Amino acid sequence: MSADDVEDFEAEAELTLYREYRDVVGLFRYVVETERRFYLANGVTLTPHQADGDVFFELVLEDAWVWDVYRSARFIKRVRVLTFKDVNIEELPAEDLQVPQDGRLPG
Protein backbone atom coordinates (compact mmCIF):
# COMPACT_ATOMS: atom_id res chain seq x y z
CA MET A 1 0.00 0.00 0.00
CA SER A 2 1.52 3.31 -1.07
CA ALA A 3 1.47 6.63 0.83
CA ASP A 4 -1.08 7.91 -1.71
CA ASP A 5 -3.34 4.93 -0.97
CA VAL A 6 -3.16 5.69 2.74
CA GLU A 7 -3.95 9.37 2.14
CA ASP A 8 -6.89 8.44 -0.10
CA PHE A 9 -8.20 6.03 2.53
CA GLU A 10 -7.94 8.65 5.29
CA ALA A 11 -9.61 11.32 3.14
CA GLU A 12 -12.50 8.97 2.32
CA ALA A 13 -12.86 8.02 5.99
CA GLU A 14 -13.02 11.71 7.00
CA LEU A 15 -15.63 12.42 4.32
CA THR A 16 -17.74 9.46 5.47
CA LEU A 17 -17.46 10.67 9.06
CA TYR A 18 -18.48 14.21 8.08
CA ARG A 19 -21.53 12.85 6.26
CA GLU A 20 -22.52 10.82 9.31
CA TYR A 21 -22.09 13.92 11.51
CA ARG A 22 -24.29 15.95 9.17
CA ASP A 23 -26.96 13.24 9.32
CA VAL A 24 -27.02 12.91 13.14
CA VAL A 25 -26.31 16.43 14.46
CA GLY A 26 -30.02 17.24 14.61
CA LEU A 27 -30.54 14.41 17.11
CA PHE A 28 -28.39 16.06 19.78
CA ARG A 29 -28.63 19.02 22.13
CA TYR A 30 -24.94 19.82 22.82
CA VAL A 31 -21.62 20.03 21.03
CA VAL A 32 -18.69 19.24 23.32
CA GLU A 33 -15.02 19.74 22.47
CA THR A 34 -12.06 18.49 24.48
CA GLU A 35 -8.39 18.53 23.53
CA ARG A 36 -8.71 15.02 22.13
CA ARG A 37 -12.27 14.56 20.89
CA PHE A 38 -15.40 16.19 19.54
CA TYR A 39 -18.75 14.92 20.80
CA LEU A 40 -22.45 15.45 20.27
CA ALA A 41 -24.55 14.68 23.35
CA ASN A 42 -28.00 15.02 24.86
CA GLY A 43 -26.79 15.17 28.47
CA VAL A 44 -23.66 16.90 29.77
CA THR A 45 -22.30 17.19 33.32
CA LEU A 46 -19.04 19.06 33.91
CA THR A 47 -17.46 18.85 37.37
CA PRO A 48 -14.20 20.64 38.25
CA HIS A 49 -11.88 18.88 40.73
CA GLN A 50 -8.73 19.99 42.54
CA ALA A 51 -5.86 17.65 43.27
CA ASP A 52 -2.41 18.66 44.50
CA GLY A 53 -2.99 22.28 43.46
CA ASP A 54 -4.05 21.34 39.92
CA VAL A 55 -7.54 21.63 38.50
CA PHE A 56 -8.96 18.94 36.27
CA PHE A 57 -12.40 18.40 34.82
CA GLU A 58 -14.66 15.38 34.91
CA LEU A 59 -17.03 15.38 31.98
CA VAL A 60 -19.92 12.89 31.78
CA LEU A 61 -21.85 12.67 28.53
CA GLU A 62 -25.10 10.78 28.10
CA ASP A 63 -26.53 9.61 24.78
CA ALA A 64 -23.48 10.72 22.82
CA TRP A 65 -21.84 10.47 19.41
CA VAL A 66 -18.07 10.79 19.05
CA TRP A 67 -16.12 12.19 16.09
CA ASP A 68 -13.49 9.49 15.63
CA VAL A 69 -12.55 8.08 12.25
CA TYR A 70 -11.15 4.90 13.75
CA ARG A 71 -14.17 3.89 15.89
CA SER A 72 -16.60 1.48 14.32
CA ALA A 73 -19.32 2.34 16.85
CA ARG A 74 -19.59 6.08 17.39
CA PHE A 75 -22.84 6.11 19.38
CA ILE A 76 -22.15 5.91 23.12
CA LYS A 77 -24.73 5.53 25.88
CA ARG A 78 -22.47 7.09 28.53
CA VAL A 79 -18.89 8.32 28.50
CA ARG A 80 -16.70 9.77 31.24
CA VAL A 81 -13.78 12.00 30.25
CA LEU A 82 -11.10 13.37 32.59
CA THR A 83 -8.99 16.27 31.33
CA PHE A 84 -6.63 18.99 32.54
CA LYS A 85 -7.33 20.98 29.37
CA ASP A 86 -10.14 23.28 28.32
CA VAL A 87 -13.62 21.92 27.67
CA ASN A 88 -16.01 23.75 25.37
CA ILE A 89 -19.74 23.03 25.68
CA GLU A 90 -22.18 24.63 23.27
CA GLU A 91 -25.93 24.18 23.31
CA LEU A 92 -27.25 23.70 19.80
CA PRO A 93 -30.17 25.89 18.74
CA ALA A 94 -33.56 24.23 18.63
CA GLU A 95 -34.89 23.96 15.12
CA ASP A 96 -38.32 25.60 15.04
CA LEU A 97 -38.67 25.39 11.29
CA GLN A 98 -42.25 24.80 10.26
CA VAL A 99 -42.92 23.72 6.71
CA PRO A 100 -45.98 25.36 5.11
CA GLN A 101 -48.83 23.19 3.80
CA ASP A 102 -47.56 23.48 0.21
CA GLY A 103 -44.20 22.02 1.32
CA ARG A 104 -42.18 25.03 0.13
CA LEU A 105 -39.85 26.86 2.47
CA PRO A 106 -40.15 30.63 2.76
CA GLY A 107 -37.62 32.85 1.00
C-alpha atoms as a PDB file:
ATOM      1  CA  MET A   1       0.000   0.000   0.000  1.00  0.00           C
ATOM      2  CA  SER A   2       1.519   3.312  -1.066  1.00  0.00           C
ATOM      3  CA  ALA A   3       1.470   6.629   0.828  1.00  0.00           C
ATOM      4  CA  ASP A   4      -1.078   7.907  -1.711  1.00  0.00           C
ATOM      5  CA  ASP A   5      -3.341   4.932  -0.972  1.00  0.00           C
ATOM      6  CA  VAL A   6      -3.160   5.688   2.743  1.00  0.00           C
ATOM      7  CA  GLU A   7      -3.952   9.367   2.139  1.00  0.00           C
ATOM      8  CA  ASP A   8      -6.894   8.440  -0.105  1.00  0.00           C
ATOM      9  CA  PHE A   9      -8.204   6.026   2.528  1.00  0.00           C
ATOM     10  CA  GLU A  10      -7.935   8.651   5.288  1.00  0.00           C
ATOM     11  CA  ALA A  11      -9.609  11.323   3.135  1.00  0.00           C
ATOM     12  CA  GLU A  12     -12.498   8.968   2.316  1.00  0.00           C
ATOM     13  CA  ALA A  13     -12.861   8.016   5.989  1.00  0.00           C
ATOM     14  CA  GLU A  14     -13.022  11.713   6.996  1.00  0.00           C
ATOM     15  CA  LEU A  15     -15.629  12.418   4.318  1.00  0.00           C
ATOM     16  CA  THR A  16     -17.735   9.461   5.471  1.00  0.00           C
ATOM     17  CA  LEU A  17     -17.461  10.674   9.064  1.00  0.00           C
ATOM     18  CA  TYR A  18     -18.481  14.208   8.078  1.00  0.00           C
ATOM     19  CA  ARG A  19     -21.534  12.854   6.256  1.00  0.00           C
ATOM     20  CA  GLU A  20     -22.515  10.821   9.309  1.00  0.00           C
ATOM     21  CA  TYR A  21     -22.090  13.919  11.511  1.00  0.00           C
ATOM     22  CA  ARG A  22     -24.288  15.951   9.165  1.00  0.00           C
ATOM     23  CA  ASP A  23     -26.964  13.238   9.323  1.00  0.00           C
ATOM     24  CA  VAL A  24     -27.022  12.914  13.135  1.00  0.00           C
ATOM     25  CA  VAL A  25     -26.309  16.429  14.457  1.00  0.00           C
ATOM     26  CA  GLY A  26     -30.021  17.235  14.615  1.00  0.00           C
ATOM     27  CA  LEU A  27     -30.544  14.407  17.114  1.00  0.00           C
ATOM     28  CA  PHE A  28     -28.393  16.062  19.783  1.00  0.00           C
ATOM     29  CA  ARG A  29     -28.627  19.021  22.127  1.00  0.00           C
ATOM     30  CA  TYR A  30     -24.943  19.820  22.823  1.00  0.00           C
ATOM     31  CA  VAL A  31     -21.622  20.034  21.026  1.00  0.00           C
ATOM     32  CA  VAL A  32     -18.690  19.245  23.323  1.00  0.00           C
ATOM     33  CA  GLU A  33     -15.022  19.739  22.474  1.00  0.00           C
ATOM     34  CA  THR A  34     -12.060  18.493  24.478  1.00  0.00           C
ATOM     35  CA  GLU A  35      -8.391  18.532  23.530  1.00  0.00           C
ATOM     36  CA  ARG A  36      -8.711  15.024  22.132  1.00  0.00           C
ATOM     37  CA  ARG A  37     -12.271  14.562  20.891  1.00  0.00           C
ATOM     38  CA  PHE A  38     -15.397  16.194  19.536  1.00  0.00           C
ATOM     39  CA  TYR A  39     -18.751  14.922  20.800  1.00  0.00           C
ATOM     40  CA  LEU A  40     -22.453  15.453  20.268  1.00  0.00           C
ATOM     41  CA  ALA A  41     -24.548  14.684  23.351  1.00  0.00           C
ATOM     42  CA  ASN A  42     -28.003  15.023  24.863  1.00  0.00           C
ATOM     43  CA  GLY A  43     -26.790  15.170  28.467  1.00  0.00           C
ATOM     44  CA  VAL A  44     -23.660  16.898  29.768  1.00  0.00           C
ATOM     45  CA  THR A  45     -22.305  17.189  33.322  1.00  0.00           C
ATOM     46  CA  LEU A  46     -19.036  19.063  33.914  1.00  0.00           C
ATOM     47  CA  THR A  47     -17.461  18.849  37.368  1.00  0.00           C
ATOM     48  CA  PRO A  48     -14.200  20.644  38.246  1.00  0.00           C
ATOM     49  CA  HIS A  49     -11.880  18.883  40.726  1.00  0.00           C
ATOM     50  CA  GLN A  50      -8.734  19.986  42.537  1.00  0.00           C
ATOM     51  CA  ALA A  51      -5.858  17.650  43.273  1.00  0.00           C
ATOM     52  CA  ASP A  52      -2.406  18.664  44.504  1.00  0.00           C
ATOM     53  CA  GLY A  53      -2.995  22.278  43.458  1.00  0.00           C
ATOM     54  CA  ASP A  54      -4.048  21.341  39.922  1.00  0.00           C
ATOM     55  CA  VAL A  55      -7.541  21.630  38.500  1.00  0.00           C
ATOM     56  CA  PHE A  56      -8.963  18.938  36.266  1.00  0.00           C
ATOM     57  CA  PHE A  57     -12.403  18.405  34.821  1.00  0.00           C
ATOM     58  CA  GLU A  58     -14.658  15.383  34.905  1.00  0.00           C
ATOM     59  CA  LEU A  59     -17.029  15.375  31.976  1.00  0.00           C
ATOM     60  CA  VAL A  60     -19.916  12.892  31.784  1.00  0.00           C
ATOM     61  CA  LEU A  61     -21.850  12.673  28.530  1.00  0.00           C
ATOM     62  CA  GLU A  62     -25.102  10.781  28.101  1.00  0.00           C
ATOM     63  CA  ASP A  63     -26.528   9.613  24.781  1.00  0.00           C
ATOM     64  CA  ALA A  64     -23.475  10.719  22.820  1.00  0.00           C
ATOM     65  CA  TRP A  65     -21.844  10.473  19.406  1.00  0.00           C
ATOM     66  CA  VAL A  66     -18.073  10.792  19.055  1.00  0.00           C
ATOM     67  CA  TRP A  67     -16.122  12.189  16.089  1.00  0.00           C
ATOM     68  CA  ASP A  68     -13.489   9.495  15.632  1.00  0.00           C
ATOM     69  CA  VAL A  69     -12.547   8.082  12.252  1.00  0.00           C
ATOM     70  CA  TYR A  70     -11.153   4.895  13.751  1.00  0.00           C
ATOM     71  CA  ARG A  71     -14.166   3.887  15.885  1.00  0.00           C
ATOM     72  CA  SER A  72     -16.596   1.476  14.315  1.00  0.00           C
ATOM     73  CA  ALA A  73     -19.324   2.338  16.852  1.00  0.00           C
ATOM     74  CA  ARG A  74     -19.589   6.083  17.386  1.00  0.00           C
ATOM     75  CA  PHE A  75     -22.838   6.106  19.384  1.00  0.00           C
ATOM     76  CA  ILE A  76     -22.150   5.907  23.118  1.00  0.00           C
ATOM     77  CA  LYS A  77     -24.735   5.530  25.883  1.00  0.00           C
ATOM     78  CA  ARG A  78     -22.468   7.088  28.531  1.00  0.00           C
ATOM     79  CA  VAL A  79     -18.893   8.315  28.501  1.00  0.00           C
ATOM     80  CA  ARG A  80     -16.698   9.773  31.241  1.00  0.00           C
ATOM     81  CA  VAL A  81     -13.779  12.001  30.251  1.00  0.00           C
ATOM     82  CA  LEU A  82     -11.097  13.368  32.586  1.00  0.00           C
ATOM     83  CA  THR A  83      -8.993  16.274  31.330  1.00  0.00           C
ATOM     84  CA  PHE A  84      -6.634  18.994  32.536  1.00  0.00           C
ATOM     85  CA  LYS A  85      -7.329  20.979  29.365  1.00  0.00           C
ATOM     86  CA  ASP A  86     -10.142  23.285  28.324  1.00  0.00           C
ATOM     87  CA  VAL A  87     -13.620  21.917  27.671  1.00  0.00           C
ATOM     88  CA  ASN A  88     -16.015  23.753  25.374  1.00  0.00           C
ATOM     89  CA  ILE A  89     -19.742  23.030  25.681  1.00  0.00           C
ATOM     90  CA  GLU A  90     -22.184  24.631  23.275  1.00  0.00           C
ATOM     91  CA  GLU A  91     -25.932  24.184  23.312  1.00  0.00           C
ATOM     92  CA  LEU A  92     -27.247  23.696  19.801  1.00  0.00           C
ATOM     93  CA  PRO A  93     -30.172  25.887  18.742  1.00  0.00           C
ATOM     94  CA  ALA A  94     -33.564  24.225  18.631  1.00  0.00           C
ATOM     95  CA  GLU A  95     -34.894  23.965  15.117  1.00  0.00           C
ATOM     96  CA  ASP A  96     -38.319  25.603  15.039  1.00  0.00           C
ATOM     97  CA  LEU A  97     -38.674  25.390  11.291  1.00  0.00           C
ATOM     98  CA  GLN A  98     -42.252  24.796  10.255  1.00  0.00           C
ATOM     99  CA  VAL A  99     -42.923  23.717   6.705  1.00  0.00           C
ATOM    100  CA  PRO A 100     -45.978  25.364   5.111  1.00  0.00           C
ATOM    101  CA  GLN A 101     -48.832  23.193   3.802  1.00  0.00           C
ATOM    102  CA  ASP A 102     -47.559  23.482   0.214  1.00  0.00           C
ATOM    103  CA  GLY A 103     -44.205  22.022   1.320  1.00  0.00           C
ATOM    104  CA  ARG A 104     -42.179  25.034   0.129  1.00  0.00           C
ATOM    105  CA  LEU A 105     -39.850  26.858   2.468  1.00  0.00           C
ATOM    106  CA  PRO A 106     -40.154  30.634   2.762  1.00  0.00           C
ATOM    107  CA  GLY A 107     -37.618  32.850   1.000  1.00  0.00           C
END
